[in-house]
Amino acid sequence: MSTSLIYLTVVIAVIAIIAILRFVIHKHQKKNEFTPLAGLAFGFILAGFFTGDDRLIGYSLLGIGVILAIIDIYHKKHQKEPADGN
């Protein structure tokens, strides 16, 4: 196995463990569902991992995913702020 394949396998395993722990630990808390933008960002990041052979494409997809995730975080932050009438 090549080094990049080992790295990819470890990253996917860690993400899967974090997802499982999140669902098990936070079962009784209020659910925070993925927005479509967050899902798209996650898809771009995964696509970036799977295209590890071509660095330009892989890093571009990872960058797009991170930018979309930041936009989604910014949008959620401003959406949850209560509107004061004062």
Protein backbone atom coordinates (compact mmCIF):
# COMPACT_ATOMS: atom_id res chain seq x y z
CA MET A 1 0.00 0.00 0.00
CA SER A 2 1.21 3.45 -0.82
CA THR A 3 1.62 6.14 1.81
CA SER A 4 -1.21 8.26 0.45
CA LEU A 5 -3.60 5.30 0.52
CA ILE A 6 -2.70 4.60 4.15
CA TYR A 7 -3.21 8.28 5.01
CA LEU A 8 -6.58 8.31 3.24
CA THR A 9 -7.70 5.18 5.06
CA VAL A 10 -6.75 6.64 8.44
CA VAL A 11 -8.55 9.92 7.71
CA ILE A 12 -11.74 8.15 6.63
CA ALA A 13 -11.60 5.91 9.72
CA VAL A 14 -11.19 8.91 12.04
CA ILE A 15 -14.09 10.74 10.37
CA ALA A 16 -16.27 7.62 10.71
CA ILE A 17 -15.36 7.24 14.41
CA ILE A 18 -16.15 10.91 15.08
CA ALA A 19 -19.50 10.59 13.29
CA ILE A 20 -20.42 7.46 15.26
CA LEU A 21 -19.43 9.05 18.57
CA ARG A 22 -21.40 12.17 17.73
CA PHE A 23 -24.56 10.20 17.05
CA VAL A 24 -24.15 8.02 20.14
CA ILE A 25 -23.23 10.78 22.62
CA HIS A 26 -25.54 13.50 21.33
CA LYS A 27 -28.60 11.33 20.80
CA HIS A 28 -30.76 13.19 23.32
CA GLN A 29 -29.64 16.69 22.44
CA LYS A 30 -31.26 18.99 19.93
CA LYS A 31 -30.47 17.81 16.43
CA ASN A 32 -28.35 20.00 14.20
CA GLU A 33 -29.06 18.75 10.73
CA PHE A 34 -26.78 19.33 7.79
CA THR A 35 -27.77 22.19 5.58
CA PRO A 36 -27.54 21.54 1.85
CA LEU A 37 -24.48 23.81 1.73
CA ALA A 38 -22.76 21.83 4.51
CA GLY A 39 -23.51 18.59 2.68
CA LEU A 40 -22.06 20.01 -0.50
CA ALA A 41 -18.95 21.15 1.38
CA PHE A 42 -18.55 17.68 2.90
CA GLY A 43 -18.89 16.13 -0.57
CA PHE A 44 -16.18 18.39 -2.00
CA ILE A 45 -13.85 17.54 0.88
CA LEU A 46 -14.40 13.80 0.38
CA ALA A 47 -13.88 14.19 -3.37
CA GLY A 48 -10.63 16.01 -2.60
CA PHE A 49 -9.46 13.07 -0.51
CA PHE A 50 -10.35 10.54 -3.18
CA THR A 51 -8.51 12.42 -5.94
CA GLY A 52 -5.22 12.35 -4.06
CA ASP A 53 -3.24 11.25 -7.12
CA ASP A 54 -3.67 14.59 -8.87
CA ARG A 55 -2.65 17.25 -6.35
CA LEU A 56 -4.05 20.22 -8.24
CA ILE A 57 -7.53 18.75 -8.47
CA GLY A 58 -7.44 17.29 -4.96
CA TYR A 59 -6.33 20.49 -3.26
CA SER A 60 -8.77 22.53 -5.33
CA LEU A 61 -11.68 20.35 -4.24
CA LEU A 62 -10.54 20.50 -0.61
CA GLY A 63 -10.27 24.28 -0.82
CA ILE A 64 -13.74 24.61 -2.32
CA GLY A 65 -15.13 22.39 0.44
CA VAL A 66 -13.48 24.44 3.18
CA ILE A 67 -14.71 27.72 1.66
CA LEU A 68 -18.26 26.37 1.44
CA ALA A 69 -18.08 25.17 5.06
CA ILE A 70 -16.92 28.61 6.21
CA ILE A 71 -19.76 30.26 4.27
CA ASP A 72 -22.23 27.85 5.88
CA ILE A 73 -20.87 28.58 9.39
CA TYR A 74 -21.12 32.31 8.74
CA HIS A 75 -24.67 31.94 7.43
CA LYS A 76 -25.78 29.84 10.43
CA LYS A 77 -24.23 32.29 12.89
CA HIS A 78 -26.10 35.26 11.46
CA GLN A 79 -29.33 33.31 11.03
CA LYS A 80 -29.55 32.30 14.72
CA GLU A 81 -29.05 35.80 16.11
CA PRO A 82 -32.33 37.10 17.58
CA ALA A 83 -33.71 40.23 16.00
CA ASP A 84 -34.06 42.98 18.61
CA GLY A 85 -36.74 45.55 17.97
CA ASN A 86 -34.98 48.11 20.19
